[in-house]
């Protein structure tokens, strides 16, 4: 079994958090319409791939009932993480200088995103083990998802008075739990023998994880970033992301 490739794909996808931090470093706080569109776009890509690729392929490897159980367990797993650690639902930033509360918010977001990124590495590993092209598609999906997360990490830190360089570093490091998750996933699949049943259940679990992240994290936070008049940009981004995800799937022939 190839361990290096899913690790490298997860490393690149995790590094996309640093790209989001770099956007804030170069351009400052993002316009709410653009942020809403980007988060909606990332959510659309994740939903289409989670259902039409991960979940459907899970049902081809195990029974429909088993795939549904795995999906449910994945969603419950992420819900449990959300109940025990902070995540991105932090509202829109208020401008200020050396704001300790904003600094605390930014650090909490960074920690929460780091913990959320670990199971995403597991998703890449399980997907790649079943089909390398599927692993590549999932890595692209997560990469697009991590860019707005990096923005959400760096923005409050810079507003709080932290140096841009340090905020960029924290945003980048928040994605580095992802390749660790890929290594753990590869080790688990190796130890279990990478059977069809294990991979099928893993894909169902991955679909549940990614769907929960989208509906509980990306879409709600997009609405918090946008003013009432700009919320339709989220829906536009969501539809565009779904179309893009399906086109990439067709191009890769997954």
Protein backbone atom coordinates (compact mmCIF):
# COMPACT_ATOMS: atom_id res chain seq x y z
CA UNK A 1 0.00 0.00 0.00
CA UNK A 2 1.28 3.48 -0.94
CA UNK A 3 1.57 5.64 2.19
CA UNK A 4 3.66 8.51 0.82
CA UNK A 5 1.19 9.73 -1.82
CA UNK A 6 -1.84 10.28 0.47
CA UNK A 7 0.52 11.88 2.99
CA UNK A 8 1.82 14.35 0.38
CA UNK A 9 -1.71 15.07 -0.88
CA UNK A 10 -2.85 15.77 2.68
CA UNK A 11 0.22 17.92 3.27
CA UNK A 12 -0.64 20.06 0.23
CA UNK A 13 -4.32 20.24 1.20
CA UNK A 14 -3.41 21.19 4.77
CA UNK A 15 -1.04 23.86 3.48
CA UNK A 16 -4.02 25.57 1.83
CA UNK A 17 -4.83 27.00 5.27
CA UNK A 18 -1.60 28.94 4.84
CA UNK A 19 -2.86 30.21 1.47
CA UNK A 20 -5.90 31.61 3.26
CA UNK A 21 -3.62 33.23 5.81
CA UNK A 22 -1.50 34.65 2.98
CA UNK A 23 -4.60 36.27 1.45
CA UNK A 24 -5.22 38.12 4.72
CA UNK A 25 -1.50 38.92 5.00
CA UNK A 26 -1.47 40.56 1.56
CA UNK A 27 -4.93 42.12 1.31
CA UNK A 28 -6.28 42.46 4.85
CA UNK A 29 -9.88 41.66 5.83
CA UNK A 30 -11.91 40.21 2.97
CA UNK A 31 -15.07 41.71 1.54
CA UNK A 32 -18.06 39.82 2.92
CA UNK A 33 -19.51 39.02 -0.51
CA UNK A 34 -16.31 37.35 -1.69
CA UNK A 35 -15.88 35.47 1.58
CA UNK A 36 -19.48 34.26 1.42
CA UNK A 37 -19.02 33.08 -2.17
CA UNK A 38 -15.77 31.25 -1.38
CA UNK A 39 -17.24 29.46 1.63
CA UNK A 40 -20.36 28.55 -0.34
CA UNK A 41 -18.19 27.30 -3.21
CA UNK A 42 -16.10 25.14 -0.88
CA UNK A 43 -19.29 23.78 0.70
CA UNK A 44 -20.76 22.93 -2.70
CA UNK A 45 -17.66 21.01 -3.76
CA UNK A 46 -17.59 19.09 -0.48
CA UNK A 47 -21.29 18.16 -0.59
CA UNK A 48 -21.27 16.92 -4.18
CA UNK A 49 -18.14 14.82 -3.67
CA UNK A 50 -19.31 13.50 -0.28
CA UNK A 51 -22.61 12.21 -1.65
CA UNK A 52 -21.96 11.37 -5.30
CA UNK A 53 -18.47 9.94 -4.80
CA UNK A 54 -17.68 8.86 -1.24
CA UNK A 55 -21.13 7.69 -0.15
CA UNK A 56 -22.09 6.11 -3.49
CA UNK A 57 -18.78 4.21 -3.67
CA UNK A 58 -19.27 3.10 -0.07
CA UNK A 59 -22.58 1.52 -1.08
CA UNK A 60 -20.86 -0.40 -3.88
CA UNK A 61 -18.41 -1.98 -1.42
CA UNK A 62 -20.75 -2.68 1.51
CA UNK A 63 -24.52 -2.90 1.87
CA UNK A 64 -26.66 0.25 1.77
CA UNK A 65 -27.49 -0.19 5.45
CA UNK A 66 -23.83 -0.54 6.43
CA UNK A 67 -22.87 2.50 4.35
CA UNK A 68 -25.63 4.52 6.02
CA UNK A 69 -24.49 3.39 9.47
CA UNK A 70 -20.90 4.41 8.64
CA UNK A 71 -22.14 7.79 7.35
CA UNK A 72 -24.10 8.34 10.58
CA UNK A 73 -21.12 7.38 12.74
CA UNK A 74 -18.93 9.85 10.83
CA UNK A 75 -21.41 12.67 11.36
CA UNK A 76 -21.81 11.81 15.06
CA UNK A 77 -18.02 11.71 15.44
CA UNK A 78 -17.73 15.26 14.13
CA UNK A 79 -20.66 16.37 16.28
CA UNK A 80 -18.87 14.98 19.33
CA UNK A 81 -15.74 16.91 18.39
CA UNK A 82 -17.81 20.08 17.97
CA UNK A 83 -19.34 19.62 21.42
CA UNK A 84 -15.96 19.22 23.08
CA UNK A 85 -13.75 21.70 21.21
CA UNK A 86 -14.36 25.19 19.81
CA UNK A 87 -14.96 25.65 16.11
CA UNK A 88 -15.55 28.41 13.58
CA UNK A 89 -18.90 29.83 14.67
CA UNK A 90 -17.46 33.09 15.95
CA UNK A 91 -19.36 35.83 14.21
CA UNK A 92 -18.08 38.73 12.15
CA UNK A 93 -14.94 40.51 13.31
CA UNK A 94 -15.07 43.99 14.85
CA UNK A 95 -12.12 46.21 14.06
CA UNK A 96 -9.91 47.09 17.01
CA UNK A 97 -6.32 47.44 18.09
CA UNK A 98 -4.56 45.04 20.45
CA UNK A 99 -7.88 43.46 21.38
CA UNK A 100 -7.24 40.62 23.85
CA UNK A 101 -10.72 39.15 23.28
CA UNK A 102 -10.14 39.03 19.52
CA UNK A 103 -6.74 37.45 20.08
CA UNK A 104 -8.33 34.74 22.22
CA UNK A 105 -10.98 34.20 19.53
CA UNK A 106 -8.35 33.76 16.83
CA UNK A 107 -6.34 31.28 18.87
CA UNK A 108 -9.47 29.29 19.75
CA UNK A 109 -10.40 29.14 16.07
CA UNK A 110 -6.88 27.95 15.16
CA UNK A 111 -7.03 25.16 17.75
CA UNK A 112 -10.52 24.13 16.66
CA UNK A 113 -9.58 24.03 12.99
CA UNK A 114 -6.45 22.00 13.77
CA UNK A 115 -8.55 19.35 15.50
CA UNK A 116 -11.12 19.37 12.68
CA UNK A 117 -8.37 18.88 10.09
CA UNK A 118 -7.13 15.60 11.58
CA UNK A 119 -10.10 13.47 10.37
CA UNK A 120 -9.82 15.13 6.95
CA UNK A 121 -6.43 13.44 6.60
CA UNK A 122 -8.14 10.13 7.38
CA UNK A 123 -10.63 10.87 4.59
CA UNK A 124 -7.85 11.37 2.03
CA UNK A 125 -6.16 8.14 3.09
CA UNK A 126 -9.34 6.03 2.87
CA UNK A 127 -10.30 7.56 -0.49
CA UNK A 128 -6.86 7.04 -2.01
CA UNK A 129 -6.72 3.44 -0.82
CA UNK A 130 -9.94 2.67 -2.68
CA UNK A 131 -9.04 4.59 -5.82
CA UNK A 132 -6.07 6.97 -6.31
CA UNK A 133 -8.15 9.30 -8.51
CA UNK A 134 -10.79 9.53 -5.79
CA UNK A 135 -8.10 10.40 -3.25
CA UNK A 136 -6.87 13.16 -5.56
CA UNK A 137 -10.41 14.50 -5.97
CA UNK A 138 -10.99 14.52 -2.20
CA UNK A 139 -7.65 16.29 -1.66
CA UNK A 140 -8.73 19.03 -4.10
CA UNK A 141 -12.04 19.34 -2.27
CA UNK A 142 -10.35 19.70 1.12
CA UNK A 143 -7.80 22.13 -0.30
CA UNK A 144 -10.60 24.45 -1.45
CA UNK A 145 -12.25 24.07 1.95
CA UNK A 146 -9.07 24.97 3.85
CA UNK A 147 -8.47 28.32 2.13
CA UNK A 148 -11.43 30.12 3.78
CA UNK A 149 -10.56 28.35 7.04
CA UNK A 150 -7.11 29.92 6.88
CA UNK A 151 -8.73 33.31 6.33
CA UNK A 152 -10.99 32.73 9.33
CA UNK A 153 -7.93 31.88 11.44
CA UNK A 154 -5.68 34.78 10.45
CA UNK A 155 -8.25 37.60 10.35
CA UNK A 156 -9.03 37.94 14.09
CA UNK A 157 -5.36 37.48 15.01
CA UNK A 158 -4.26 40.38 12.81
CA UNK A 159 -7.17 42.56 13.97
CA UNK A 160 -6.14 41.83 17.58
CA UNK A 161 -2.72 43.31 16.90
CA UNK A 162 -0.66 40.19 16.20
CA UNK A 163 1.99 40.60 13.51
CA UNK A 164 0.91 39.46 10.05
CA UNK A 165 3.84 37.07 9.83
CA UNK A 166 2.91 35.32 13.09
CA UNK A 167 -0.78 35.14 12.13
CA UNK A 168 0.21 33.62 8.77
CA UNK A 169 2.36 31.03 10.56
CA UNK A 170 -0.50 30.04 12.88
CA UNK A 171 -2.90 29.74 9.93
CA UNK A 172 -0.40 27.49 8.14
CA UNK A 173 0.23 25.31 11.20
CA UNK A 174 -3.51 24.83 11.77
CA UNK A 175 -3.58 22.67 8.63
CA UNK A 176 -0.63 20.48 9.57
CA UNK A 177 -2.71 18.00 11.56
CA UNK A 178 -4.13 16.85 8.23
CA UNK A 179 -1.05 14.93 6.97
CA UNK A 180 -0.77 13.41 10.46
CA UNK A 181 -4.33 12.14 10.04
CA UNK A 182 -3.38 10.67 6.65
CA UNK A 183 -0.48 8.76 8.21
CA UNK A 184 -2.73 7.41 10.97
CA UNK A 185 -5.35 6.40 8.37
CA UNK A 186 -2.78 4.62 6.22
CA UNK A 187 -1.37 2.80 9.24
CA UNK A 188 -4.85 1.69 10.29
CA UNK A 189 -5.72 0.42 6.81
CA UNK A 190 -2.40 -1.44 6.62
CA UNK A 191 -2.95 -3.05 10.00
CA UNK A 192 -6.50 -4.09 9.03
CA UNK A 193 -5.38 -5.50 5.70
CA UNK A 194 -7.18 -2.90 3.52
CA UNK A 195 -10.13 -5.23 2.97
CA UNK A 196 -13.04 -4.18 0.76
CA UNK A 197 -15.30 -4.05 3.81
CA UNK A 198 -12.97 -1.77 5.79
CA UNK A 199 -12.49 0.59 2.84
CA UNK A 200 -16.24 0.68 2.14
CA UNK A 201 -17.03 1.53 5.75
CA UNK A 202 -14.20 4.08 5.74
CA UNK A 203 -15.64 5.85 2.70
CA UNK A 204 -19.08 5.98 4.34
CA UNK A 205 -17.52 7.37 7.50
CA UNK A 206 -15.62 9.94 5.43
CA UNK A 207 -18.82 11.06 3.70
CA UNK A 208 -20.47 11.65 7.08
CA UNK A 209 -17.47 13.61 8.36
CA UNK A 210 -17.28 15.89 5.32
CA UNK A 211 -21.04 16.47 5.17
CA UNK A 212 -21.17 17.48 8.82
CA UNK A 213 -18.24 19.88 8.39
CA UNK A 214 -20.07 21.53 5.49
CA UNK A 215 -23.50 21.94 7.06
CA UNK A 216 -22.31 22.78 10.58
CA UNK A 217 -19.21 24.82 9.83
CA UNK A 218 -18.81 26.25 6.34
CA UNK A 219 -22.37 27.31 5.53
CA UNK A 220 -23.27 28.79 8.96
CA UNK A 221 -19.99 30.73 9.12
CA UNK A 222 -20.55 32.02 5.59
CA UNK A 223 -23.87 33.47 6.77
CA UNK A 224 -22.13 35.10 9.74
CA UNK A 225 -19.59 36.76 7.46
CA UNK A 226 -22.19 38.15 5.04
CA UNK A 227 -24.59 41.02 5.51
CA UNK A 228 -28.25 40.38 4.67
CA UNK A 229 -27.92 41.92 1.21
CA UNK A 230 -24.93 39.69 0.36
CA UNK A 231 -26.26 36.31 1.48
CA UNK A 232 -27.29 35.28 -2.05
CA UNK A 233 -23.57 35.11 -2.87
CA UNK A 234 -23.41 32.06 -0.58
CA UNK A 235 -26.08 30.25 -2.60
CA UNK A 236 -24.35 31.24 -5.84
CA UNK A 237 -21.06 29.88 -4.52
CA UNK A 238 -22.75 26.68 -3.33
CA UNK A 239 -24.21 25.95 -6.77
CA UNK A 240 -20.96 26.89 -8.52
CA UNK A 241 -19.05 24.56 -6.19
CA UNK A 242 -21.40 21.67 -6.91
CA UNK A 243 -21.00 22.16 -10.66
CA UNK A 244 -17.22 22.48 -10.32
CA UNK A 245 -16.99 19.34 -8.17
CA UNK A 246 -18.99 17.33 -10.68
CA UNK A 247 -16.90 18.62 -13.61
CA UNK A 248 -13.67 17.65 -11.85
CA UNK A 249 -15.14 14.21 -11.14
CA UNK A 250 -15.98 13.79 -14.84
CA UNK A 251 -12.55 15.01 -15.95
CA UNK A 252 -10.79 12.60 -13.58
CA UNK A 253 -13.22 9.83 -14.56
CA UNK A 254 -13.69 8.89 -10.92
